[in-house]
Amino acid sequence: MSKKCKQYDLDGKELNPIELAILATDGRAHPQSIKDYIKALRENARQWSANTKDRSQSNHSGAKPHAQKGTGKARQGFLGAPQYKGGGRVHTPKPKFDQHVRINRKEKRMVIATLLSEKIENDRVVFFKDEISSRCKQPKTAIMASFLKNIGIEKSCLFLVNKREGEEIRNFQKSLSNLPKVSFKYIENVDGYTVLAHQHVIVVDTAVENLNDLVRGNNG
């Protein structure tokens, strides 16, 4: 299966559409697989470094708060107990290590292909003509803001560019950095959560084959 996606230049002028491959409906990842994959990504992004002190670690005198008997109060043995202000905490977080959740490579490829296919199918993927080298001699946020306005994308969007070195690509990335809800990623490094978190995906036209490889599940 395939579908044609719109293509624009950096001035927002519509050019010839580009045809992209999409997965057949019966060949896409199950919603539970997508949920498990996204959950694993979020779990692996956590530092697991939250730490609190228990009563053995609280910095308090070992003296009893008050006499054992004769006060009419309940017996208390230590100011570092949880019921006192500044005392140790109970059942609170401790650092955890080796919490990495393994993601099956085949499942990962299928989820990314499914999410991209859904975006393509719902007209949420557009292309822009690769004019980075000629138009991005220095960072220009105004050019990218004008581009998004001209093509009618005002909500969150993800720019995908094929990986390359050079001052132009860095300037292009800097041109996007001050735009709200706009992200930049090399297409070789894209993940399912990033695709899911953005309403639109905007791809440089030179990355057509890279995107087709992702959708077909042939990439990394």
N, C-alpha and C. Protein backbone atom coordinates (compact mmCIF):
# COMPACT_ATOMS: atom_id res chain seq x y z
N MET A 1 0.84 -1.20 0.00
CA MET A 1 0.00 0.00 0.00
C MET A 1 0.87 1.24 0.00
N SER A 2 0.32 2.31 -0.55
CA SER A 2 1.04 3.57 -0.59
C SER A 2 0.06 4.74 -0.60
N LYS A 3 0.58 5.91 -0.32
CA LYS A 3 -0.25 7.11 -0.34
C LYS A 3 0.62 8.30 -0.69
N LYS A 4 0.06 9.28 -1.42
CA LYS A 4 0.80 10.47 -1.78
C LYS A 4 0.69 11.51 -0.68
N CYS A 5 1.84 12.11 -0.36
CA CYS A 5 1.91 13.14 0.67
C CYS A 5 2.31 14.47 0.04
N LYS A 6 1.79 15.54 0.58
CA LYS A 6 2.09 16.86 0.05
C LYS A 6 3.55 17.23 0.27
N GLN A 7 4.05 18.07 -0.65
CA GLN A 7 5.42 18.56 -0.54
C GLN A 7 5.42 20.07 -0.73
N TYR A 8 6.25 20.76 0.07
CA TYR A 8 6.34 22.22 -0.01
C TYR A 8 7.80 22.64 -0.06
N ASP A 9 8.02 23.84 -0.60
CA ASP A 9 9.35 24.43 -0.44
C ASP A 9 9.34 25.25 0.85
N LEU A 10 10.49 25.84 1.21
CA LEU A 10 10.58 26.54 2.48
C LEU A 10 9.80 27.85 2.49
N ASP A 11 9.27 28.26 1.33
CA ASP A 11 8.39 29.43 1.29
C ASP A 11 6.92 29.03 1.47
N GLY A 12 6.66 27.73 1.56
CA GLY A 12 5.31 27.25 1.73
C GLY A 12 4.56 27.00 0.44
N LYS A 13 5.26 27.07 -0.70
CA LYS A 13 4.62 26.82 -1.99
C LYS A 13 4.51 25.31 -2.21
N GLU A 14 3.32 24.85 -2.61
CA GLU A 14 3.10 23.42 -2.79
C GLU A 14 3.75 22.92 -4.07
N LEU A 15 4.47 21.80 -3.95
CA LEU A 15 5.17 21.18 -5.08
C LEU A 15 4.53 19.83 -5.40
N ASN A 16 5.17 19.06 -6.26
CA ASN A 16 4.64 17.75 -6.61
C ASN A 16 4.60 16.84 -5.38
N PRO A 17 3.52 16.08 -5.21
CA PRO A 17 3.42 15.18 -4.05
C PRO A 17 4.43 14.04 -4.12
N ILE A 18 4.72 13.46 -2.98
CA ILE A 18 5.65 12.34 -2.88
C ILE A 18 4.89 11.11 -2.39
N GLU A 19 5.11 9.97 -3.04
CA GLU A 19 4.41 8.75 -2.67
C GLU A 19 5.19 7.97 -1.62
N LEU A 20 4.49 7.56 -0.57
CA LEU A 20 5.10 6.83 0.53
C LEU A 20 4.43 5.49 0.74
N ALA A 21 5.21 4.52 1.18
CA ALA A 21 4.64 3.20 1.53
C ALA A 21 3.98 3.28 2.89
N ILE A 22 2.88 2.54 3.07
CA ILE A 22 2.23 2.41 4.38
C ILE A 22 1.89 0.95 4.61
N LEU A 23 1.82 0.58 5.87
CA LEU A 23 1.49 -0.80 6.21
C LEU A 23 0.01 -1.06 6.01
N ALA A 24 -0.32 -2.26 5.58
CA ALA A 24 -1.72 -2.67 5.51
C ALA A 24 -2.29 -2.75 6.92
N THR A 25 -3.58 -2.52 7.05
CA THR A 25 -4.22 -2.48 8.36
C THR A 25 -4.00 -3.77 9.14
N ASP A 26 -4.10 -4.91 8.47
CA ASP A 26 -3.95 -6.18 9.17
C ASP A 26 -2.50 -6.54 9.46
N GLY A 27 -1.57 -5.70 9.02
CA GLY A 27 -0.16 -5.98 9.26
C GLY A 27 0.46 -5.04 10.29
N ARG A 28 -0.38 -4.26 10.97
CA ARG A 28 0.14 -3.28 11.92
C ARG A 28 0.22 -3.85 13.34
N ALA A 29 0.98 -3.15 14.17
CA ALA A 29 1.17 -3.60 15.55
C ALA A 29 -0.13 -3.50 16.33
N HIS A 30 -0.32 -4.43 17.24
CA HIS A 30 -1.50 -4.42 18.11
C HIS A 30 -1.41 -3.24 19.08
N PRO A 31 -2.54 -2.62 19.44
CA PRO A 31 -2.51 -1.49 20.39
C PRO A 31 -1.79 -1.82 21.70
N GLN A 32 -1.90 -3.06 22.17
CA GLN A 32 -1.21 -3.44 23.40
C GLN A 32 0.30 -3.41 23.21
N SER A 33 0.77 -3.81 22.02
CA SER A 33 2.21 -3.77 21.73
C SER A 33 2.70 -2.33 21.71
N ILE A 34 1.89 -1.43 21.15
CA ILE A 34 2.26 -0.01 21.13
C ILE A 34 2.34 0.53 22.55
N LYS A 35 1.35 0.17 23.38
CA LYS A 35 1.36 0.63 24.77
C LYS A 35 2.58 0.11 25.51
N ASP A 36 2.90 -1.17 25.35
CA ASP A 36 4.05 -1.76 26.04
C ASP A 36 5.36 -1.09 25.60
N TYR A 37 5.46 -0.80 24.30
CA TYR A 37 6.67 -0.17 23.77
C TYR A 37 6.84 1.24 24.34
N ILE A 38 5.76 2.03 24.32
CA ILE A 38 5.83 3.40 24.84
C ILE A 38 6.13 3.40 26.34
N LYS A 39 5.50 2.47 27.06
CA LYS A 39 5.75 2.36 28.50
C LYS A 39 7.20 2.01 28.78
N ALA A 40 7.77 1.11 27.98
CA ALA A 40 9.17 0.73 28.16
C ALA A 40 10.09 1.91 27.90
N LEU A 41 9.80 2.70 26.87
CA LEU A 41 10.61 3.89 26.59
C LEU A 41 10.58 4.87 27.76
N ARG A 42 9.39 5.09 28.31
CA ARG A 42 9.25 6.03 29.42
C ARG A 42 9.95 5.49 30.67
N GLU A 43 9.84 4.19 30.91
CA GLU A 43 10.52 3.61 32.07
C GLU A 43 12.03 3.73 31.93
N ASN A 44 12.55 3.50 30.73
CA ASN A 44 13.99 3.55 30.51
C ASN A 44 14.53 4.97 30.57
N ALA A 45 13.65 5.96 30.42
CA ALA A 45 14.08 7.36 30.49
C ALA A 45 14.21 7.84 31.93
N ARG A 46 13.67 7.08 32.88
CA ARG A 46 13.72 7.49 34.29
C ARG A 46 15.12 7.30 34.86
N GLN A 47 15.50 8.17 35.81
CA GLN A 47 16.81 8.06 36.45
C GLN A 47 16.79 7.08 37.61
N TRP A 48 15.64 6.87 38.22
CA TRP A 48 15.51 6.00 39.38
C TRP A 48 16.46 6.43 40.49
N SER A 49 16.66 7.73 40.67
CA SER A 49 17.62 8.22 41.67
C SER A 49 16.95 8.85 42.89
N ALA A 50 15.61 8.84 42.95
CA ALA A 50 14.92 9.43 44.11
C ALA A 50 15.36 8.72 45.39
N ASN A 51 15.66 9.51 46.42
CA ASN A 51 16.19 8.93 47.65
C ASN A 51 15.69 9.70 48.86
N THR A 52 15.25 9.00 49.88
CA THR A 52 14.84 9.63 51.13
C THR A 52 15.49 8.90 52.29
N LYS A 53 15.54 9.55 53.44
CA LYS A 53 16.19 8.96 54.62
C LYS A 53 15.16 8.25 55.49
N ASP A 54 15.54 7.09 55.98
CA ASP A 54 14.70 6.42 56.96
C ASP A 54 15.18 6.82 58.36
N ARG A 55 14.59 6.25 59.39
CA ARG A 55 14.91 6.70 60.75
C ARG A 55 16.35 6.41 61.14
N SER A 56 16.95 5.41 60.54
CA SER A 56 18.35 5.11 60.88
C SER A 56 19.31 6.12 60.30
N GLN A 57 18.86 6.90 59.32
CA GLN A 57 19.73 7.88 58.67
C GLN A 57 19.43 9.31 59.10
N SER A 58 18.37 9.52 59.89
CA SER A 58 18.01 10.89 60.29
C SER A 58 19.00 11.40 61.32
N ASN A 59 19.29 12.69 61.25
CA ASN A 59 20.30 13.31 62.11
C ASN A 59 19.63 13.85 63.38
N HIS A 60 19.50 12.99 64.38
CA HIS A 60 18.87 13.38 65.64
C HIS A 60 19.64 12.77 66.80
N SER A 61 19.45 13.39 67.97
CA SER A 61 20.03 12.84 69.19
C SER A 61 19.37 11.50 69.50
N GLY A 62 20.09 10.66 70.19
CA GLY A 62 19.52 9.37 70.59
C GLY A 62 18.70 9.46 71.86
N ALA A 63 18.59 10.67 72.45
CA ALA A 63 17.85 10.83 73.71
C ALA A 63 16.35 10.65 73.48
N LYS A 64 15.67 10.18 74.53
CA LYS A 64 14.22 10.03 74.45
C LYS A 64 13.56 11.41 74.45
N PRO A 65 12.46 11.58 73.73
CA PRO A 65 11.77 12.89 73.68
C PRO A 65 11.27 13.34 75.05
N HIS A 66 10.80 12.39 75.85
CA HIS A 66 10.33 12.72 77.20
C HIS A 66 10.40 11.46 78.05
N ALA A 67 10.08 11.63 79.31
CA ALA A 67 10.18 10.49 80.23
C ALA A 67 9.25 9.36 79.80
N GLN A 68 9.67 8.14 80.16
CA GLN A 68 8.90 6.97 79.77
C GLN A 68 7.52 6.97 80.44
N LYS A 69 7.50 7.37 81.73
CA LYS A 69 6.25 7.30 82.48
C LYS A 69 5.98 8.62 83.19
N GLY A 70 4.75 8.78 83.63
CA GLY A 70 4.39 9.92 84.46
C GLY A 70 3.96 11.16 83.72
N THR A 71 3.97 11.14 82.42
CA THR A 71 3.59 12.35 81.65
C THR A 71 2.18 12.25 81.10
N GLY A 72 1.61 11.06 81.09
CA GLY A 72 0.29 10.87 80.50
C GLY A 72 0.35 10.73 78.99
N LYS A 73 1.52 10.79 78.43
CA LYS A 73 1.68 10.66 76.97
C LYS A 73 2.09 9.23 76.60
N ALA A 74 1.93 8.93 75.35
CA ALA A 74 2.38 7.63 74.86
C ALA A 74 3.90 7.56 74.90
N ARG A 75 4.41 6.36 75.07
CA ARG A 75 5.86 6.17 75.12
C ARG A 75 6.49 6.50 73.77
N GLN A 76 7.59 7.23 73.83
CA GLN A 76 8.32 7.57 72.62
C GLN A 76 9.80 7.32 72.87
N GLY A 77 10.49 6.80 71.86
CA GLY A 77 11.87 6.43 72.08
C GLY A 77 12.90 7.22 71.29
N PHE A 78 12.47 7.97 70.25
CA PHE A 78 13.48 8.56 69.36
C PHE A 78 12.88 9.73 68.58
N LEU A 79 13.56 10.86 68.57
CA LEU A 79 13.06 12.04 67.84
C LEU A 79 13.15 11.85 66.33
N GLY A 80 13.92 10.87 65.90
CA GLY A 80 14.02 10.62 64.46
C GLY A 80 12.96 9.68 63.95
N ALA A 81 11.99 9.33 64.79
CA ALA A 81 10.89 8.45 64.36
C ALA A 81 10.00 9.19 63.35
N PRO A 82 9.32 8.47 62.49
CA PRO A 82 8.54 9.10 61.41
C PRO A 82 7.46 10.07 61.87
N GLN A 83 6.93 9.88 63.10
CA GLN A 83 5.84 10.75 63.54
C GLN A 83 6.31 12.13 63.96
N TYR A 84 7.62 12.34 64.06
CA TYR A 84 8.15 13.65 64.43
C TYR A 84 8.61 14.43 63.20
N LYS A 85 8.49 15.75 63.31
CA LYS A 85 8.97 16.62 62.23
C LYS A 85 10.48 16.44 62.06
N GLY A 86 10.90 16.23 60.82
CA GLY A 86 12.31 16.00 60.56
C GLY A 86 12.75 14.57 60.78
N GLY A 87 11.81 13.69 61.14
CA GLY A 87 12.15 12.30 61.36
C GLY A 87 12.28 11.54 60.04
N GLY A 88 12.68 10.29 60.14
CA GLY A 88 12.84 9.47 58.95
C GLY A 88 11.51 9.18 58.28
N ARG A 89 11.57 8.89 56.99
CA ARG A 89 10.35 8.59 56.23
C ARG A 89 10.11 7.09 56.16
N VAL A 90 8.86 6.72 55.90
CA VAL A 90 8.49 5.31 55.82
C VAL A 90 7.94 4.99 54.43
N HIS A 91 8.38 3.88 53.85
CA HIS A 91 7.88 3.41 52.55
C HIS A 91 8.04 4.47 51.45
N THR A 92 9.16 5.14 51.45
CA THR A 92 9.41 6.18 50.45
C THR A 92 10.50 5.72 49.49
N PRO A 93 10.72 6.45 48.39
CA PRO A 93 11.61 5.95 47.33
C PRO A 93 13.06 5.77 47.77
N LYS A 94 13.68 4.77 47.20
CA LYS A 94 15.10 4.53 47.33
C LYS A 94 15.67 4.34 45.92
N PRO A 95 16.95 4.64 45.73
CA PRO A 95 17.53 4.47 44.39
C PRO A 95 17.40 3.04 43.90
N LYS A 96 17.10 2.91 42.60
CA LYS A 96 16.98 1.59 42.00
C LYS A 96 17.94 1.53 40.81
N PHE A 97 18.54 0.40 40.62
CA PHE A 97 19.47 0.22 39.52
C PHE A 97 19.09 -1.01 38.70
N ASP A 98 19.62 -1.08 37.50
CA ASP A 98 19.34 -2.20 36.60
C ASP A 98 17.84 -2.36 36.36
N GLN A 99 17.17 -1.22 36.14
CA GLN A 99 15.73 -1.23 35.90
C GLN A 99 15.39 -1.18 34.41
N HIS A 100 16.39 -1.41 33.56
CA HIS A 100 16.16 -1.30 32.12
C HIS A 100 15.14 -2.33 31.63
N VAL A 101 14.17 -1.84 30.85
CA VAL A 101 13.15 -2.72 30.27
C VAL A 101 13.57 -3.05 28.84
N ARG A 102 13.76 -4.30 28.55
CA ARG A 102 14.20 -4.71 27.22
C ARG A 102 13.07 -4.56 26.21
N ILE A 103 13.41 -3.99 25.06
CA ILE A 103 12.45 -3.80 23.99
C ILE A 103 12.84 -4.72 22.83
N ASN A 104 11.94 -5.57 22.45
CA ASN A 104 12.20 -6.47 21.33
C ASN A 104 12.39 -5.66 20.05
N ARG A 105 13.47 -5.96 19.32
CA ARG A 105 13.80 -5.16 18.13
C ARG A 105 12.72 -5.25 17.06
N LYS A 106 12.20 -6.45 16.85
CA LYS A 106 11.16 -6.63 15.84
C LYS A 106 9.90 -5.87 16.23
N GLU A 107 9.56 -5.91 17.52
CA GLU A 107 8.38 -5.19 18.00
C GLU A 107 8.58 -3.68 17.86
N LYS A 108 9.79 -3.23 18.17
CA LYS A 108 10.10 -1.81 18.05
C LYS A 108 9.91 -1.33 16.61
N ARG A 109 10.46 -2.08 15.65
CA ARG A 109 10.33 -1.71 14.24
C ARG A 109 8.86 -1.67 13.82
N MET A 110 8.09 -2.66 14.26
CA MET A 110 6.69 -2.74 13.87
C MET A 110 5.88 -1.58 14.45
N VAL A 111 6.17 -1.20 15.70
CA VAL A 111 5.44 -0.08 16.33
C VAL A 111 5.74 1.23 15.61
N ILE A 112 7.02 1.48 15.33
CA ILE A 112 7.38 2.72 14.63
C ILE A 112 6.74 2.76 13.25
N ALA A 113 6.77 1.63 12.53
CA ALA A 113 6.16 1.55 11.20
C ALA A 113 4.66 1.79 11.28
N THR A 114 4.02 1.26 12.32
CA THR A 114 2.57 1.43 12.48
C THR A 114 2.21 2.88 12.76
N LEU A 115 2.96 3.51 13.68
CA LEU A 115 2.67 4.90 14.03
C LEU A 115 2.90 5.84 12.85
N LEU A 116 3.96 5.58 12.07
CA LEU A 116 4.21 6.39 10.89
C LEU A 116 3.14 6.16 9.83
N SER A 117 2.72 4.92 9.67
CA SER A 117 1.67 4.60 8.69
C SER A 117 0.36 5.32 9.04
N GLU A 118 0.03 5.35 10.31
CA GLU A 118 -1.18 6.05 10.74
C GLU A 118 -1.09 7.54 10.48
N LYS A 119 0.10 8.10 10.70
CA LYS A 119 0.30 9.53 10.43
C LYS A 119 0.14 9.81 8.94
N ILE A 120 0.75 8.96 8.11
CA ILE A 120 0.65 9.13 6.65
C ILE A 120 -0.79 8.99 6.19
N GLU A 121 -1.47 7.99 6.71
CA GLU A 121 -2.85 7.71 6.32
C GLU A 121 -3.79 8.86 6.68
N ASN A 122 -3.50 9.55 7.78
CA ASN A 122 -4.34 10.65 8.25
C ASN A 122 -3.85 12.02 7.78
N ASP A 123 -2.99 12.02 6.74
CA ASP A 123 -2.46 13.26 6.17
C ASP A 123 -1.72 14.12 7.20
N ARG A 124 -0.98 13.44 8.08
CA ARG A 124 -0.22 14.14 9.10
C ARG A 124 1.28 14.19 8.76
N VAL A 125 1.64 13.70 7.57
CA VAL A 125 3.04 13.73 7.13
C VAL A 125 3.14 14.56 5.87
N VAL A 126 4.03 15.55 5.89
CA VAL A 126 4.29 16.36 4.69
C VAL A 126 5.80 16.44 4.48
N PHE A 127 6.20 16.79 3.26
CA PHE A 127 7.61 16.92 2.92
C PHE A 127 7.95 18.37 2.62
N PHE A 128 9.22 18.72 2.84
CA PHE A 128 9.68 20.01 2.37
C PHE A 128 10.94 19.82 1.54
N LYS A 129 11.08 20.63 0.53
CA LYS A 129 12.22 20.52 -0.39
C LYS A 129 13.50 20.86 0.35
N ASP A 130 14.52 20.07 0.13
CA ASP A 130 15.79 20.24 0.83
C ASP A 130 16.52 21.49 0.32
N GLU A 131 16.28 22.60 1.02
CA GLU A 131 16.98 23.85 0.71
C GLU A 131 17.82 24.30 1.90
N ILE A 132 18.18 23.33 2.73
CA ILE A 132 18.91 23.66 3.96
C ILE A 132 20.25 24.31 3.65
N SER A 133 20.98 23.73 2.70
CA SER A 133 22.33 24.23 2.42
C SER A 133 22.32 25.64 1.85
N SER A 134 21.27 25.99 1.08
CA SER A 134 21.22 27.30 0.45
C SER A 134 20.50 28.36 1.30
N ARG A 135 19.59 27.91 2.18
CA ARG A 135 18.79 28.88 2.93
C ARG A 135 19.21 29.03 4.39
N CYS A 136 20.07 28.14 4.87
CA CYS A 136 20.42 28.17 6.30
C CYS A 136 21.90 28.45 6.50
N LYS A 137 22.35 29.56 5.93
CA LYS A 137 23.73 29.98 6.14
C LYS A 137 23.94 30.42 7.58
N GLN A 138 22.85 30.83 8.24
CA GLN A 138 22.86 31.17 9.65
C GLN A 138 21.47 30.89 10.22
N PRO A 139 21.35 30.71 11.55
CA PRO A 139 20.03 30.41 12.12
C PRO A 139 19.01 31.49 11.83
N LYS A 140 17.84 31.11 11.32
CA LYS A 140 16.76 32.05 11.00
C LYS A 140 15.43 31.47 11.45
N THR A 141 15.04 31.76 12.67
CA THR A 141 13.78 31.25 13.18
C THR A 141 12.60 31.78 12.38
N ALA A 142 12.70 33.00 11.88
CA ALA A 142 11.59 33.62 11.14
C ALA A 142 11.24 32.81 9.88
N ILE A 143 12.25 32.23 9.22
CA ILE A 143 11.99 31.44 8.01
C ILE A 143 11.13 30.23 8.34
N MET A 144 11.48 29.52 9.43
CA MET A 144 10.75 28.32 9.79
C MET A 144 9.37 28.65 10.35
N ALA A 145 9.25 29.75 11.09
CA ALA A 145 7.95 30.16 11.59
C ALA A 145 7.02 30.52 10.44
N SER A 146 7.57 31.20 9.44
CA SER A 146 6.78 31.56 8.26
C SER A 146 6.38 30.31 7.47
N PHE A 147 7.30 29.35 7.36
CA PHE A 147 7.01 28.10 6.65
C PHE A 147 5.83 27.37 7.29
N LEU A 148 5.86 27.22 8.61
CA LEU A 148 4.78 26.52 9.31
C LEU A 148 3.45 27.26 9.16
N LYS A 149 3.51 28.57 9.19
CA LYS A 149 2.28 29.36 9.04
C LYS A 149 1.71 29.20 7.64
N ASN A 150 2.59 29.20 6.64
CA ASN A 150 2.14 29.12 5.24
C ASN A 150 1.52 27.77 4.90
N ILE A 151 1.98 26.71 5.55
CA ILE A 151 1.41 25.38 5.25
C ILE A 151 0.29 25.00 6.22
N GLY A 152 -0.02 25.91 7.15
CA GLY A 152 -1.17 25.71 8.03
C GLY A 152 -0.96 24.75 9.17
N ILE A 153 0.28 24.57 9.62
CA ILE A 153 0.56 23.71 10.77
C ILE A 153 0.87 24.60 11.97
N GLU A 154 -0.05 24.64 12.90
CA GLU A 154 0.11 25.50 14.07
C GLU A 154 0.27 24.69 15.35
N LYS A 155 -0.01 23.39 15.30
CA LYS A 155 0.13 22.55 16.49
C LYS A 155 1.50 21.88 16.48
N SER A 156 1.72 20.96 17.41
CA SER A 156 3.04 20.36 17.57
C SER A 156 3.45 19.60 16.31
N CYS A 157 4.73 19.73 15.96
CA CYS A 157 5.23 19.03 14.77
C CYS A 157 6.67 18.58 15.00
N LEU A 158 7.03 17.53 14.27
CA LEU A 158 8.36 16.94 14.36
C LEU A 158 9.03 17.02 13.01
N PHE A 159 10.22 17.64 12.94
CA PHE A 159 11.00 17.70 11.72
C PHE A 159 11.96 16.52 11.69
N LEU A 160 11.91 15.75 10.60
CA LEU A 160 12.82 14.62 10.41
C LEU A 160 13.76 14.92 9.25
N VAL A 161 15.05 14.82 9.54
CA VAL A 161 16.08 15.12 8.53
C VAL A 161 17.05 13.96 8.48
N ASN A 162 17.51 13.60 7.27
CA ASN A 162 18.51 12.53 7.18
C ASN A 162 19.83 13.02 7.77
N LYS A 163 20.53 12.13 8.45
CA LYS A 163 21.70 12.51 9.23
C LYS A 163 22.82 12.99 8.32
N ARG A 164 23.41 14.11 8.71
CA ARG A 164 24.52 14.67 7.95
C ARG A 164 25.31 15.61 8.84
N GLU A 165 26.52 15.93 8.41
CA GLU A 165 27.37 16.87 9.15
C GLU A 165 27.36 18.22 8.42
N GLY A 166 27.75 19.25 9.13
CA GLY A 166 27.87 20.55 8.48
C GLY A 166 27.22 21.66 9.27
N GLU A 167 27.68 22.88 9.01
CA GLU A 167 27.17 24.04 9.72
C GLU A 167 25.71 24.31 9.36
N GLU A 168 25.32 23.99 8.10
CA GLU A 168 23.95 24.28 7.66
C GLU A 168 22.92 23.50 8.48
N ILE A 169 23.20 22.22 8.72
CA ILE A 169 22.23 21.41 9.46
C ILE A 169 22.14 21.86 10.91
N ARG A 170 23.25 22.33 11.47
CA ARG A 170 23.21 22.86 12.83
C ARG A 170 22.44 24.17 12.87
N ASN A 171 22.61 25.00 11.85
CA ASN A 171 21.85 26.25 11.78
C ASN A 171 20.36 25.98 11.61
N PHE A 172 20.05 24.94 10.82
CA PHE A 172 18.65 24.56 10.63
C PHE A 172 18.03 24.12 11.95
N GLN A 173 18.78 23.33 12.71
CA GLN A 173 18.28 22.87 14.01
C GLN A 173 18.09 24.05 14.97
N LYS A 174 19.03 24.99 14.95
CA LYS A 174 18.90 26.17 15.82
C LYS A 174 17.72 27.04 15.40
N SER A 175 17.40 27.04 14.10
CA SER A 175 16.27 27.82 13.62
C SER A 175 14.95 27.30 14.17
N LEU A 176 14.92 26.03 14.53
CA LEU A 176 13.70 25.41 15.07
C LEU A 176 13.63 25.46 16.59
N SER A 177 14.78 25.68 17.23
CA SER A 177 14.85 25.49 18.68
C SER A 177 13.99 26.48 19.47
N ASN A 178 13.71 27.66 18.93
CA ASN A 178 12.92 28.65 19.66
C ASN A 178 11.43 28.60 19.32
N LEU A 179 11.04 27.67 18.46
CA LEU A 179 9.63 27.56 18.10
C LEU A 179 8.93 26.62 19.09
N PRO A 180 7.81 27.05 19.68
CA PRO A 180 7.13 26.20 20.66
C PRO A 180 6.53 24.95 20.03
N LYS A 181 6.65 23.84 20.72
CA LYS A 181 6.06 22.56 20.31
C LYS A 181 6.60 22.06 18.98
N VAL A 182 7.83 22.47 18.65
CA VAL A 182 8.48 22.00 17.42
C VAL A 182 9.76 21.26 17.82
N SER A 183 9.93 20.05 17.30
CA SER A 183 11.09 19.22 17.62
C SER A 183 11.86 18.87 16.35
N PHE A 184 13.13 18.54 16.55
CA PHE A 184 14.02 18.17 15.45
C PHE A 184 14.64 16.82 15.79
N LYS A 185 14.70 15.94 14.78
CA LYS A 185 15.31 14.63 15.01
C LYS A 185 15.84 14.08 13.69
N TYR A 186 16.99 13.40 13.79
CA TYR A 186 17.47 12.68 12.62
C TYR A 186 16.59 11.46 12.40
N ILE A 187 16.23 11.22 11.16
CA ILE A 187 15.28 10.15 10.88
C ILE A 187 15.83 8.78 11.28
N GLU A 188 17.15 8.64 11.26
CA GLU A 188 17.76 7.37 11.67
C GLU A 188 17.57 7.11 13.16
N ASN A 189 17.34 8.16 13.95
CA ASN A 189 17.24 8.02 15.40
C ASN A 189 15.81 8.17 15.94
N VAL A 190 14.84 8.22 15.05
CA VAL A 190 13.48 8.49 15.50
C VAL A 190 12.94 7.29 16.31
N ASP A 191 12.11 7.60 17.28
CA ASP A 191 11.48 6.56 18.09
C ASP A 191 9.97 6.76 18.11
N GLY A 192 9.26 5.72 18.53
CA GLY A 192 7.80 5.75 18.49
C GLY A 192 7.18 6.81 19.38
N TYR A 193 7.78 7.05 20.55
CA TYR A 193 7.20 8.04 21.46
C TYR A 193 7.24 9.44 20.85
N THR A 194 8.35 9.78 20.20
CA THR A 194 8.48 11.10 19.58
C THR A 194 7.45 11.26 18.47
N VAL A 195 7.25 10.23 17.66
CA VAL A 195 6.24 10.28 16.59
C VAL A 195 4.85 10.46 17.19
N LEU A 196 4.56 9.71 18.23
CA LEU A 196 3.24 9.75 18.86
C LEU A 196 2.97 11.08 19.55
N ALA A 197 4.03 11.72 20.07
CA ALA A 197 3.87 12.94 20.85
C ALA A 197 3.63 14.18 19.99
N HIS A 198 3.79 14.07 18.67
CA HIS A 198 3.61 15.23 17.78
C HIS A 198 2.46 14.97 16.81
N GLN A 199 1.70 16.02 16.55
CA GLN A 199 0.54 15.88 15.68
C GLN A 199 0.93 15.73 14.21
N HIS A 200 2.00 16.41 13.80
CA HIS A 200 2.43 16.36 12.41
C HIS A 200 3.90 15.97 12.32
N VAL A 201 4.26 15.35 11.22
CA VAL A 201 5.65 15.01 10.92
C VAL A 201 6.03 15.67 9.61
N ILE A 202 7.10 16.45 9.63
CA ILE A 202 7.57 17.15 8.43
C ILE A 202 8.95 16.59 8.07
N VAL A 203 9.06 16.07 6.85
CA VAL A 203 10.26 15.32 6.46
C VAL A 203 10.94 16.00 5.29
N VAL A 204 12.28 16.07 5.33
CA VAL A 204 13.03 16.59 4.19
C VAL A 204 12.89 15.61 3.03
N ASP A 205 12.77 16.12 1.81
CA ASP A 205 12.47 15.25 0.66
C ASP A 205 13.58 14.27 0.33
N THR A 206 14.82 14.58 0.76
CA THR A 206 15.92 13.66 0.49
C THR A 206 15.88 12.42 1.38
N ALA A 207 14.96 12.39 2.34
CA ALA A 207 14.87 11.27 3.26
C ALA A 207 13.72 10.32 2.93
N VAL A 208 13.23 10.38 1.68
CA VAL A 208 12.10 9.53 1.29
C VAL A 208 12.43 8.05 1.47
N GLU A 209 13.60 7.63 1.00
CA GLU A 209 13.97 6.22 1.10
C GLU A 209 14.15 5.81 2.56
N ASN A 210 14.74 6.70 3.37
CA ASN A 210 14.89 6.40 4.80
C ASN A 210 13.54 6.17 5.45
N LEU A 211 12.57 7.03 5.11
CA LEU A 211 11.24 6.90 5.70
C LEU A 211 10.55 5.64 5.21
N ASN A 212 10.69 5.32 3.93
CA ASN A 212 10.10 4.09 3.40
C ASN A 212 10.71 2.86 4.07
N ASP A 213 12.02 2.91 4.35
CA ASP A 213 12.66 1.80 5.04
C ASP A 213 12.10 1.62 6.45
N LEU A 214 11.84 2.76 7.15
CA LEU A 214 11.26 2.68 8.48
C LEU A 214 9.89 2.06 8.45
N VAL A 215 9.08 2.49 7.48
CA VAL A 215 7.71 1.99 7.39
C VAL A 215 7.70 0.51 7.03
N ARG A 216 8.61 0.12 6.15
CA ARG A 216 8.67 -1.29 5.76
C ARG A 216 9.37 -2.15 6.81
N GLY A 217 9.98 -1.49 7.81
CA GLY A 217 10.64 -2.24 8.86
C GLY A 217 12.01 -2.74 8.47
N ASN A 218 12.66 -2.06 7.50
CA ASN A 218 13.96 -2.54 7.03
C ASN A 218 15.13 -1.77 7.63
N ASN A 219 14.82 -0.83 8.53
CA ASN A 219 15.89 0.03 9.04
C ASN A 219 16.25 -0.33 10.47
N GLY A 220 17.55 -0.65 10.70
CA GLY A 220 18.16 -0.85 12.00
C GLY A 220 17.40 -1.54 13.02
